[in-house]
Amino acid sequence: MNRLLIPALALAALSSLGGCATQEYLSAQNQCTPQAYRQYPVANQQRWETRSRQVEVPTGKTKCVTRTTGANQSETICEDIKEKRYQNYQALVTVDINADPRNALIKACTQDMCMRQFGNPDCETGR
């Protein structure tokens, strides 16, 4: 992926997390992001993670319904009773092992810039 595109995508992702961020905050964040990517570049690694999913499993019980289908005839339909349980499984995932320290650096840098420029960590202007 293009090295310039990665920081732009990350900034978009970070911006969407702070949906109520001011334009001033986003501007400060934009100034901090390139240095954070230089210090903590994307380092994707694959690893196995335990995940869980819900599955239906038979309980060993059945539920039967008998209905009359005609003169002196009936039909019985049985079905297994199932219950939902969680089942663990292993999944191979790709993770950026530098994402957490990079995002922490971006946040700290952004809040520091906001404190210096606006006197608060959120770049609120008091409008």
C-alpha atoms as a PDB file:
ATOM      1  CA  MET A   1       0.000   0.000   0.000  1.00  0.00           C
ATOM      2  CA  ASN A   2       1.206   3.517  -0.696  1.00  0.00           C
ATOM      3  CA  ARG A   3       3.212   4.859   2.276  1.00  0.00           C
ATOM      4  CA  LEU A   4       1.409   8.213   2.066  1.00  0.00           C
ATOM      5  CA  LEU A   5      -2.009   6.603   1.874  1.00  0.00           C
ATOM      6  CA  ILE A   6      -1.594   4.646   5.114  1.00  0.00           C
ATOM      7  CA  PRO A   7      -1.373   7.743   7.381  1.00  0.00           C
ATOM      8  CA  ALA A   8      -4.339   9.277   5.572  1.00  0.00           C
ATOM      9  CA  LEU A   9      -6.416   6.150   6.145  1.00  0.00           C
ATOM     10  CA  ALA A  10      -5.352   6.002   9.776  1.00  0.00           C
ATOM     11  CA  LEU A  11      -6.277   9.651  10.276  1.00  0.00           C
ATOM     12  CA  ALA A  12      -9.686   8.974   8.791  1.00  0.00           C
ATOM     13  CA  ALA A  13     -10.128   6.045  11.160  1.00  0.00           C
ATOM     14  CA  LEU A  14      -8.997   8.069  14.179  1.00  0.00           C
ATOM     15  CA  SER A  15     -11.257  10.939  13.163  1.00  0.00           C
ATOM     16  CA  SER A  16     -14.269   8.687  12.943  1.00  0.00           C
ATOM     17  CA  LEU A  17     -13.606   7.468  16.495  1.00  0.00           C
ATOM     18  CA  GLY A  18     -13.714  11.027  17.794  1.00  0.00           C
ATOM     19  CA  GLY A  19     -16.988  11.952  16.099  1.00  0.00           C
ATOM     20  CA  CYS A  20     -17.388  15.046  18.259  1.00  0.00           C
ATOM     21  CA  ALA A  21     -13.829  16.319  17.799  1.00  0.00           C
ATOM     22  CA  THR A  22     -13.439  19.963  16.881  1.00  0.00           C
ATOM     23  CA  GLN A  23     -11.874  21.041  13.624  1.00  0.00           C
ATOM     24  CA  GLU A  24      -8.987  22.421  15.679  1.00  0.00           C
ATOM     25  CA  TYR A  25      -8.468  19.020  17.331  1.00  0.00           C
ATOM     26  CA  LEU A  26      -8.519  17.258  13.970  1.00  0.00           C
ATOM     27  CA  SER A  27      -6.019  19.774  12.610  1.00  0.00           C
ATOM     28  CA  ALA A  28      -3.653  19.156  15.543  1.00  0.00           C
ATOM     29  CA  GLN A  29      -4.114  15.403  15.113  1.00  0.00           C
ATOM     30  CA  ASN A  30      -3.278  15.757  11.420  1.00  0.00           C
ATOM     31  CA  GLN A  31      -0.018  17.508  12.319  1.00  0.00           C
ATOM     32  CA  CYS A  32       0.952  14.752  14.792  1.00  0.00           C
ATOM     33  CA  THR A  33       0.129  11.752  12.617  1.00  0.00           C
ATOM     34  CA  PRO A  34       3.079  11.757  10.134  1.00  0.00           C
ATOM     35  CA  GLN A  35       5.714  11.799  12.910  1.00  0.00           C
ATOM     36  CA  ALA A  36       3.900   9.005  14.749  1.00  0.00           C
ATOM     37  CA  TYR A  37       3.948   6.880  11.588  1.00  0.00           C
ATOM     38  CA  ARG A  38       7.669   7.555  11.182  1.00  0.00           C
ATOM     39  CA  GLN A  39       8.289   6.530  14.776  1.00  0.00           C
ATOM     40  CA  TYR A  40       5.878   3.554  14.711  1.00  0.00           C
ATOM     41  CA  PRO A  41       5.447   2.396  11.099  1.00  0.00           C
ATOM     42  CA  VAL A  42       2.807  -0.142  10.172  1.00  0.00           C
ATOM     43  CA  ALA A  43       4.115  -3.574  11.171  1.00  0.00           C
ATOM     44  CA  ASN A  44       1.561  -6.181  10.230  1.00  0.00           C
ATOM     45  CA  GLN A  45       1.942  -9.646  11.689  1.00  0.00           C
ATOM     46  CA  GLN A  46      -0.240 -12.699  11.481  1.00  0.00           C
ATOM     47  CA  ARG A  47      -1.176 -14.512  14.643  1.00  0.00           C
ATOM     48  CA  TRP A  48      -3.713 -16.974  15.915  1.00  0.00           C
ATOM     49  CA  GLU A  49      -6.497 -15.631  18.119  1.00  0.00           C
ATOM     50  CA  THR A  50      -9.208 -17.442  19.984  1.00  0.00           C
ATOM     51  CA  ARG A  51     -12.632 -16.281  18.876  1.00  0.00           C
ATOM     52  CA  SER A  52     -16.086 -17.534  19.750  1.00  0.00           C
ATOM     53  CA  ARG A  53     -19.243 -18.098  17.782  1.00  0.00           C
ATOM     54  CA  GLN A  54     -22.734 -19.113  18.709  1.00  0.00           C
ATOM     55  CA  VAL A  55     -23.799 -22.579  17.563  1.00  0.00           C
ATOM     56  CA  GLU A  56     -26.914 -24.668  18.015  1.00  0.00           C
ATOM     57  CA  VAL A  57     -26.359 -28.061  19.605  1.00  0.00           C
ATOM     58  CA  PRO A  58     -28.891 -30.833  20.225  1.00  0.00           C
ATOM     59  CA  THR A  59     -29.959 -31.302  23.849  1.00  0.00           C
ATOM     60  CA  GLY A  60     -30.852 -34.970  23.356  1.00  0.00           C
ATOM     61  CA  LYS A  61     -34.529 -34.141  23.795  1.00  0.00           C
ATOM     62  CA  THR A  62     -37.219 -34.056  21.137  1.00  0.00           C
ATOM     63  CA  LYS A  63     -40.509 -32.264  20.775  1.00  0.00           C
ATOM     64  CA  CYS A  64     -43.271 -34.134  19.008  1.00  0.00           C
ATOM     65  CA  VAL A  65     -46.573 -32.856  17.673  1.00  0.00           C
ATOM     66  CA  THR A  66     -49.351 -35.182  16.583  1.00  0.00           C
ATOM     67  CA  ARG A  67     -52.121 -33.975  14.326  1.00  0.00           C
ATOM     68  CA  THR A  68     -55.087 -35.658  12.767  1.00  0.00           C
ATOM     69  CA  THR A  69     -54.811 -35.890   8.997  1.00  0.00           C
ATOM     70  CA  GLY A  70     -58.045 -37.647   8.220  1.00  0.00           C
ATOM     71  CA  ALA A  71     -60.501 -40.243   9.446  1.00  0.00           C
ATOM     72  CA  ASN A  72     -58.673 -42.506  11.888  1.00  0.00           C
ATOM     73  CA  GLN A  73     -55.292 -41.232  10.695  1.00  0.00           C
ATOM     74  CA  SER A  74     -52.771 -39.112  12.487  1.00  0.00           C
ATOM     75  CA  GLU A  75     -49.303 -37.860  11.764  1.00  0.00           C
ATOM     76  CA  THR A  76     -46.576 -37.306  14.346  1.00  0.00           C
ATOM     77  CA  ILE A  77     -43.721 -34.959  13.591  1.00  0.00           C
ATOM     78  CA  CYS A  78     -40.750 -34.829  15.931  1.00  0.00           C
ATOM     79  CA  GLU A  79     -37.813 -32.471  15.934  1.00  0.00           C
ATOM     80  CA  ASP A  80     -34.715 -32.234  18.048  1.00  0.00           C
ATOM     81  CA  ILE A  81     -34.638 -29.550  20.698  1.00  0.00           C
ATOM     82  CA  LYS A  82     -31.508 -27.472  20.350  1.00  0.00           C
ATOM     83  CA  GLU A  83     -29.881 -24.877  22.504  1.00  0.00           C
ATOM     84  CA  LYS A  84     -27.442 -22.119  21.688  1.00  0.00           C
ATOM     85  CA  ARG A  85     -23.921 -22.346  23.062  1.00  0.00           C
ATOM     86  CA  TYR A  86     -20.684 -20.535  22.427  1.00  0.00           C
ATOM     87  CA  GLN A  87     -17.905 -22.449  20.742  1.00  0.00           C
ATOM     88  CA  ASN A  88     -14.291 -21.276  20.735  1.00  0.00           C
ATOM     89  CA  TYR A  89     -12.232 -21.542  17.573  1.00  0.00           C
ATOM     90  CA  GLN A  90      -8.845 -20.379  16.336  1.00  0.00           C
ATOM     91  CA  ALA A  91      -8.645 -17.706  13.640  1.00  0.00           C
ATOM     92  CA  LEU A  92      -5.572 -16.432  11.829  1.00  0.00           C
ATOM     93  CA  VAL A  93      -5.693 -12.634  11.915  1.00  0.00           C
ATOM     94  CA  THR A  94      -3.409  -9.873  10.697  1.00  0.00           C
ATOM     95  CA  VAL A  95      -2.686  -7.154  13.240  1.00  0.00           C
ATOM     96  CA  ASP A  96      -0.565  -4.022  13.191  1.00  0.00           C
ATOM     97  CA  ILE A  97       1.596  -4.503  16.276  1.00  0.00           C
ATOM     98  CA  ASN A  98       2.525  -0.803  16.257  1.00  0.00           C
ATOM     99  CA  ALA A  99      -1.066   0.475  16.167  1.00  0.00           C
ATOM    100  CA  ASP A 100      -1.513   0.909  19.933  1.00  0.00           C
ATOM    101  CA  PRO A 101       1.738   2.793  20.656  1.00  0.00           C
ATOM    102  CA  ARG A 102       1.285   4.876  17.480  1.00  0.00           C
ATOM    103  CA  ASN A 103      -2.287   5.826  18.408  1.00  0.00           C
ATOM    104  CA  ALA A 104      -1.182   6.645  21.968  1.00  0.00           C
ATOM    105  CA  LEU A 105       1.566   8.902  20.575  1.00  0.00           C
ATOM    106  CA  ILE A 106      -0.875  10.634  18.226  1.00  0.00           C
ATOM    107  CA  LYS A 107      -3.309  11.211  21.087  1.00  0.00           C
ATOM    108  CA  ALA A 108      -0.623  12.520  23.467  1.00  0.00           C
ATOM    109  CA  CYS A 109       0.881  14.786  20.800  1.00  0.00           C
ATOM    110  CA  THR A 110      -2.557  16.102  19.809  1.00  0.00           C
ATOM    111  CA  GLN A 111      -3.575  16.819  23.398  1.00  0.00           C
ATOM    112  CA  ASP A 112      -0.219  18.515  24.050  1.00  0.00           C
ATOM    113  CA  MET A 113      -0.694  20.776  21.019  1.00  0.00           C
ATOM    114  CA  CYS A 114      -4.238  21.567  22.153  1.00  0.00           C
ATOM    115  CA  MET A 115      -3.027  22.439  25.662  1.00  0.00           C
ATOM    116  CA  ARG A 116      -0.361  24.760  24.260  1.00  0.00           C
ATOM    117  CA  GLN A 117      -2.670  26.453  21.745  1.00  0.00           C
ATOM    118  CA  PHE A 118      -6.065  26.425  23.492  1.00  0.00           C
ATOM    119  CA  GLY A 119      -5.381  25.686  27.160  1.00  0.00           C
ATOM    120  CA  ASN A 120      -7.335  22.425  27.102  1.00  0.00           C
ATOM    121  CA  PRO A 121      -6.685  18.901  25.755  1.00  0.00           C
ATOM    122  CA  ASP A 122      -9.653  18.947  23.358  1.00  0.00           C
ATOM    123  CA  CYS A 123      -8.799  22.120  21.416  1.00  0.00           C
ATOM    124  CA  GLU A 124     -12.099  23.654  22.437  1.00  0.00           C
ATOM    125  CA  THR A 125     -12.247  27.327  21.529  1.00  0.00           C
ATOM    126  CA  GLY A 126     -15.208  28.305  23.718  1.00  0.00           C
ATOM    127  CA  ARG A 127     -17.300  29.376  20.736  1.00  0.00           C
END
